[in-house]
Amino acid sequence: MPLFAVWARDRDDALTARERVREAHRARLRAPAPHAVVVLAAGPMTGGAGGAMDGTLLVVRAASAAAVRAFVEDDPYVHAGVYASVDIQPWRCGLGPVEWNDA
């Protein structure tokens, strides 16, 4: 299955909502089923004031960008209105655990 990078940027006023649902978001990313998406790497962007979280970066494996979009749209951050935008792009590992490319 192909790899995708997901870059979700937070709304300017989303930090409180992000912190409120963060554990539910993290638990969902770790859950292997019933999702059609496998999260390989995930973490917050920290470009906010004082290094505050202000976005999310994911590397995922899925059959299609549509499957990734459906996965993201059901995320607790989306339900809480955290994200201002979500960009999903095909991705290939060039440095790091390149075995991701071969599965």
N, C-alpha and C. Protein backbone atom coordinates (compact mmCIF):
# COMPACT_ATOMS: atom_id res chain seq x y z
N MET A 1 0.85 -1.19 0.00
CA MET A 1 0.00 0.00 0.00
C MET A 1 0.89 1.24 0.00
N PRO A 2 0.44 2.30 -0.65
CA PRO A 2 1.23 3.53 -0.73
C PRO A 2 1.32 4.26 0.61
N LEU A 3 2.28 5.17 0.66
CA LEU A 3 2.48 6.04 1.82
C LEU A 3 1.93 7.42 1.50
N PHE A 4 1.47 8.10 2.56
CA PHE A 4 0.97 9.46 2.44
C PHE A 4 1.49 10.28 3.62
N ALA A 5 1.75 11.55 3.35
CA ALA A 5 2.06 12.51 4.41
C ALA A 5 0.81 13.38 4.61
N VAL A 6 0.50 13.61 5.86
CA VAL A 6 -0.65 14.44 6.22
C VAL A 6 -0.12 15.60 7.05
N TRP A 7 -0.38 16.82 6.60
CA TRP A 7 0.01 18.00 7.35
C TRP A 7 -1.27 18.77 7.65
N ALA A 8 -1.65 18.78 8.92
CA ALA A 8 -2.85 19.48 9.35
C ALA A 8 -2.43 20.70 10.17
N ARG A 9 -2.91 21.84 9.75
CA ARG A 9 -2.60 23.09 10.46
C ARG A 9 -3.77 23.47 11.35
N ASP A 10 -3.47 23.88 12.57
CA ASP A 10 -4.50 24.27 13.52
C ASP A 10 -5.05 25.66 13.23
N ARG A 11 -6.29 25.89 13.64
CA ARG A 11 -6.82 27.25 13.69
C ARG A 11 -6.00 28.03 14.70
N ASP A 12 -5.98 29.33 14.57
CA ASP A 12 -5.20 30.17 15.49
C ASP A 12 -5.62 30.02 16.94
N ASP A 13 -6.89 29.76 17.19
CA ASP A 13 -7.41 29.70 18.56
C ASP A 13 -7.71 28.27 19.02
N ALA A 14 -6.99 27.29 18.46
CA ALA A 14 -7.36 25.88 18.68
C ALA A 14 -6.63 25.19 19.83
N LEU A 15 -5.68 25.83 20.47
CA LEU A 15 -4.86 25.13 21.46
C LEU A 15 -5.69 24.52 22.59
N THR A 16 -6.67 25.24 23.10
CA THR A 16 -7.50 24.70 24.19
C THR A 16 -8.25 23.45 23.73
N ALA A 17 -8.86 23.51 22.56
CA ALA A 17 -9.58 22.34 22.03
C ALA A 17 -8.61 21.19 21.77
N ARG A 18 -7.44 21.50 21.23
CA ARG A 18 -6.42 20.47 20.97
C ARG A 18 -6.06 19.75 22.26
N GLU A 19 -5.77 20.50 23.30
CA GLU A 19 -5.37 19.89 24.57
C GLU A 19 -6.51 19.06 25.17
N ARG A 20 -7.76 19.50 25.00
CA ARG A 20 -8.91 18.81 25.56
C ARG A 20 -9.11 17.43 24.95
N VAL A 21 -8.85 17.26 23.65
CA VAL A 21 -9.11 15.98 22.99
C VAL A 21 -7.83 15.25 22.58
N ARG A 22 -6.69 15.73 23.02
CA ARG A 22 -5.41 15.15 22.57
C ARG A 22 -5.28 13.67 22.88
N GLU A 23 -5.66 13.24 24.06
CA GLU A 23 -5.50 11.82 24.40
C GLU A 23 -6.41 10.94 23.54
N ALA A 24 -7.61 11.40 23.24
CA ALA A 24 -8.50 10.63 22.35
C ALA A 24 -7.91 10.56 20.95
N HIS A 25 -7.34 11.66 20.49
CA HIS A 25 -6.67 11.69 19.18
C HIS A 25 -5.52 10.70 19.14
N ARG A 26 -4.67 10.73 20.15
CA ARG A 26 -3.50 9.84 20.19
C ARG A 26 -3.91 8.37 20.29
N ALA A 27 -4.93 8.08 21.09
CA ALA A 27 -5.40 6.70 21.21
C ALA A 27 -5.93 6.19 19.87
N ARG A 28 -6.62 7.04 19.14
CA ARG A 28 -7.16 6.64 17.84
C ARG A 28 -6.04 6.36 16.84
N LEU A 29 -5.00 7.19 16.85
CA LEU A 29 -3.88 6.97 15.93
C LEU A 29 -3.17 5.65 16.21
N ARG A 30 -3.17 5.25 17.46
CA ARG A 30 -2.50 3.99 17.84
C ARG A 30 -3.36 2.76 17.59
N ALA A 31 -4.67 2.94 17.44
CA ALA A 31 -5.59 1.81 17.29
C ALA A 31 -5.44 1.18 15.90
N PRO A 32 -5.18 -0.11 15.82
CA PRO A 32 -4.97 -0.74 14.52
C PRO A 32 -6.24 -1.02 13.74
N ALA A 33 -7.38 -1.04 14.37
CA ALA A 33 -8.61 -1.37 13.66
C ALA A 33 -9.75 -0.59 14.27
N PRO A 34 -10.76 -0.32 13.57
CA PRO A 34 -11.15 -0.83 12.25
C PRO A 34 -10.67 0.04 11.10
N HIS A 35 -9.66 0.82 11.29
CA HIS A 35 -9.19 1.78 10.29
C HIS A 35 -8.52 1.10 9.10
N ALA A 36 -8.70 1.70 7.94
CA ALA A 36 -8.03 1.23 6.72
C ALA A 36 -6.71 1.97 6.53
N VAL A 37 -6.27 2.66 7.59
CA VAL A 37 -5.05 3.46 7.55
C VAL A 37 -4.14 2.99 8.68
N VAL A 38 -2.86 2.82 8.36
CA VAL A 38 -1.87 2.46 9.37
C VAL A 38 -0.98 3.68 9.59
N VAL A 39 -0.93 4.17 10.81
CA VAL A 39 -0.11 5.33 11.14
C VAL A 39 1.30 4.83 11.46
N LEU A 40 2.28 5.29 10.68
CA LEU A 40 3.67 4.88 10.87
C LEU A 40 4.44 5.86 11.74
N ALA A 41 4.12 7.14 11.61
CA ALA A 41 4.78 8.18 12.41
C ALA A 41 3.78 9.31 12.60
N ALA A 42 3.84 9.94 13.77
CA ALA A 42 2.92 11.04 14.06
C ALA A 42 3.52 11.95 15.11
N GLY A 43 3.17 13.21 15.03
CA GLY A 43 3.61 14.14 16.05
C GLY A 43 3.08 15.53 15.80
N PRO A 44 3.09 16.35 16.85
CA PRO A 44 2.59 17.72 16.71
C PRO A 44 3.63 18.63 16.06
N MET A 45 3.15 19.60 15.32
CA MET A 45 3.98 20.70 14.88
C MET A 45 4.07 21.65 16.07
N THR A 46 5.21 22.29 16.27
CA THR A 46 5.39 23.13 17.46
C THR A 46 5.89 24.52 17.09
N GLY A 47 5.24 25.12 16.11
CA GLY A 47 5.63 26.46 15.67
C GLY A 47 4.81 27.57 16.30
N GLY A 48 3.95 27.21 17.25
CA GLY A 48 3.14 28.22 17.92
C GLY A 48 3.97 29.04 18.90
N ALA A 49 3.36 30.04 19.48
CA ALA A 49 4.02 30.92 20.44
C ALA A 49 4.66 30.10 21.56
N GLY A 50 5.92 30.31 21.80
CA GLY A 50 6.62 29.59 22.87
C GLY A 50 6.77 28.11 22.60
N GLY A 51 6.67 27.69 21.34
CA GLY A 51 6.79 26.27 21.01
C GLY A 51 5.51 25.49 21.20
N ALA A 52 4.38 26.20 21.29
CA ALA A 52 3.09 25.53 21.47
C ALA A 52 2.73 24.70 20.24
N MET A 53 1.98 23.62 20.47
CA MET A 53 1.50 22.79 19.37
C MET A 53 0.57 23.62 18.49
N ASP A 54 0.77 23.50 17.17
CA ASP A 54 -0.08 24.27 16.25
C ASP A 54 -0.39 23.50 14.96
N GLY A 55 -0.25 22.19 15.01
CA GLY A 55 -0.55 21.37 13.84
C GLY A 55 -0.15 19.93 14.08
N THR A 56 -0.38 19.10 13.07
CA THR A 56 -0.08 17.67 13.17
C THR A 56 0.58 17.21 11.88
N LEU A 57 1.59 16.36 12.02
CA LEU A 57 2.22 15.72 10.87
C LEU A 57 2.10 14.22 11.05
N LEU A 58 1.56 13.53 10.03
CA LEU A 58 1.42 12.07 10.04
C LEU A 58 2.09 11.49 8.81
N VAL A 59 2.66 10.31 8.97
CA VAL A 59 3.05 9.48 7.84
C VAL A 59 2.22 8.22 7.98
N VAL A 60 1.43 7.91 6.94
CA VAL A 60 0.50 6.79 7.02
C VAL A 60 0.60 5.91 5.78
N ARG A 61 0.12 4.69 5.94
CA ARG A 61 0.00 3.75 4.83
C ARG A 61 -1.50 3.52 4.62
N ALA A 62 -1.93 3.63 3.36
CA ALA A 62 -3.34 3.43 3.04
C ALA A 62 -3.47 3.11 1.55
N ALA A 63 -4.61 2.57 1.19
CA ALA A 63 -4.84 2.20 -0.21
C ALA A 63 -4.98 3.42 -1.11
N SER A 64 -5.45 4.54 -0.54
CA SER A 64 -5.70 5.72 -1.38
C SER A 64 -5.73 6.98 -0.53
N ALA A 65 -5.60 8.11 -1.20
CA ALA A 65 -5.74 9.39 -0.52
C ALA A 65 -7.16 9.55 0.02
N ALA A 66 -8.14 8.99 -0.66
CA ALA A 66 -9.52 9.06 -0.17
C ALA A 66 -9.67 8.33 1.16
N ALA A 67 -8.99 7.20 1.31
CA ALA A 67 -9.04 6.47 2.59
C ALA A 67 -8.40 7.30 3.69
N VAL A 68 -7.30 7.98 3.37
CA VAL A 68 -6.64 8.84 4.36
C VAL A 68 -7.56 10.00 4.74
N ARG A 69 -8.20 10.61 3.74
CA ARG A 69 -9.11 11.73 4.00
C ARG A 69 -10.25 11.29 4.92
N ALA A 70 -10.82 10.12 4.66
CA ALA A 70 -11.91 9.61 5.51
C ALA A 70 -11.42 9.37 6.93
N PHE A 71 -10.22 8.85 7.08
CA PHE A 71 -9.62 8.61 8.38
C PHE A 71 -9.46 9.92 9.14
N VAL A 72 -8.89 10.92 8.47
CA VAL A 72 -8.66 12.21 9.11
C VAL A 72 -9.98 12.89 9.47
N GLU A 73 -10.96 12.80 8.60
CA GLU A 73 -12.24 13.47 8.86
C GLU A 73 -12.97 12.90 10.07
N ASP A 74 -12.59 11.70 10.51
CA ASP A 74 -13.23 11.11 11.69
C ASP A 74 -12.35 11.25 12.94
N ASP A 75 -11.33 12.08 12.87
CA ASP A 75 -10.41 12.27 14.00
C ASP A 75 -11.01 13.19 15.06
N PRO A 76 -10.72 12.95 16.34
CA PRO A 76 -11.21 13.84 17.40
C PRO A 76 -10.83 15.30 17.20
N TYR A 77 -9.65 15.57 16.64
CA TYR A 77 -9.28 16.96 16.38
C TYR A 77 -10.22 17.61 15.37
N VAL A 78 -10.61 16.88 14.35
CA VAL A 78 -11.54 17.42 13.36
C VAL A 78 -12.91 17.66 14.01
N HIS A 79 -13.38 16.69 14.79
CA HIS A 79 -14.68 16.84 15.46
C HIS A 79 -14.68 18.02 16.43
N ALA A 80 -13.52 18.32 17.01
CA ALA A 80 -13.41 19.44 17.96
C ALA A 80 -13.11 20.76 17.27
N GLY A 81 -12.96 20.75 15.94
CA GLY A 81 -12.71 21.99 15.21
C GLY A 81 -11.29 22.51 15.33
N VAL A 82 -10.33 21.64 15.60
CA VAL A 82 -8.94 22.06 15.79
C VAL A 82 -8.29 22.52 14.48
N TYR A 83 -8.48 21.77 13.42
CA TYR A 83 -7.74 22.03 12.18
C TYR A 83 -8.37 23.13 11.33
N ALA A 84 -7.50 24.00 10.81
CA ALA A 84 -7.91 25.00 9.82
C ALA A 84 -7.80 24.43 8.42
N SER A 85 -6.81 23.54 8.21
CA SER A 85 -6.61 22.94 6.90
C SER A 85 -5.90 21.61 7.06
N VAL A 86 -6.11 20.74 6.07
CA VAL A 86 -5.46 19.43 6.05
C VAL A 86 -4.96 19.19 4.63
N ASP A 87 -3.67 18.91 4.50
CA ASP A 87 -3.07 18.61 3.20
C ASP A 87 -2.62 17.16 3.22
N ILE A 88 -3.05 16.37 2.25
CA ILE A 88 -2.69 14.96 2.13
C ILE A 88 -1.98 14.76 0.81
N GLN A 89 -0.76 14.24 0.87
CA GLN A 89 0.04 14.05 -0.34
C GLN A 89 0.67 12.66 -0.36
N PRO A 90 0.79 12.05 -1.55
CA PRO A 90 1.57 10.81 -1.65
C PRO A 90 2.99 11.10 -1.18
N TRP A 91 3.62 10.12 -0.56
CA TRP A 91 4.94 10.34 0.02
C TRP A 91 5.78 9.09 -0.15
N ARG A 92 7.08 9.24 -0.28
CA ARG A 92 8.01 8.12 -0.35
C ARG A 92 9.17 8.42 0.58
N CYS A 93 9.52 7.46 1.41
CA CYS A 93 10.61 7.62 2.37
C CYS A 93 11.94 7.64 1.62
N GLY A 94 12.72 8.68 1.82
CA GLY A 94 14.03 8.78 1.19
C GLY A 94 15.17 8.60 2.17
N LEU A 95 14.89 8.76 3.45
CA LEU A 95 15.90 8.61 4.48
C LEU A 95 15.18 8.19 5.75
N GLY A 96 15.68 7.18 6.40
CA GLY A 96 15.02 6.66 7.60
C GLY A 96 14.63 5.23 7.37
N PRO A 97 13.51 4.82 7.91
CA PRO A 97 13.10 3.41 7.74
C PRO A 97 12.55 3.18 6.34
N VAL A 98 13.45 3.13 5.35
CA VAL A 98 13.04 3.03 3.96
C VAL A 98 12.27 1.75 3.65
N GLU A 99 12.29 0.76 4.57
CA GLU A 99 11.49 -0.44 4.34
C GLU A 99 10.00 -0.10 4.28
N TRP A 100 9.62 1.08 4.78
CA TRP A 100 8.24 1.52 4.63
C TRP A 100 7.83 1.51 3.16
N ASN A 101 8.75 1.83 2.26
CA ASN A 101 8.45 1.92 0.83
C ASN A 101 8.13 0.57 0.21
N ASP A 102 8.58 -0.52 0.83
CA ASP A 102 8.51 -1.83 0.21
C ASP A 102 7.30 -2.65 0.60
N ALA A 103 6.55 -2.23 1.58
CA ALA A 103 5.41 -3.04 2.05
C ALA A 103 4.21 -2.89 1.17
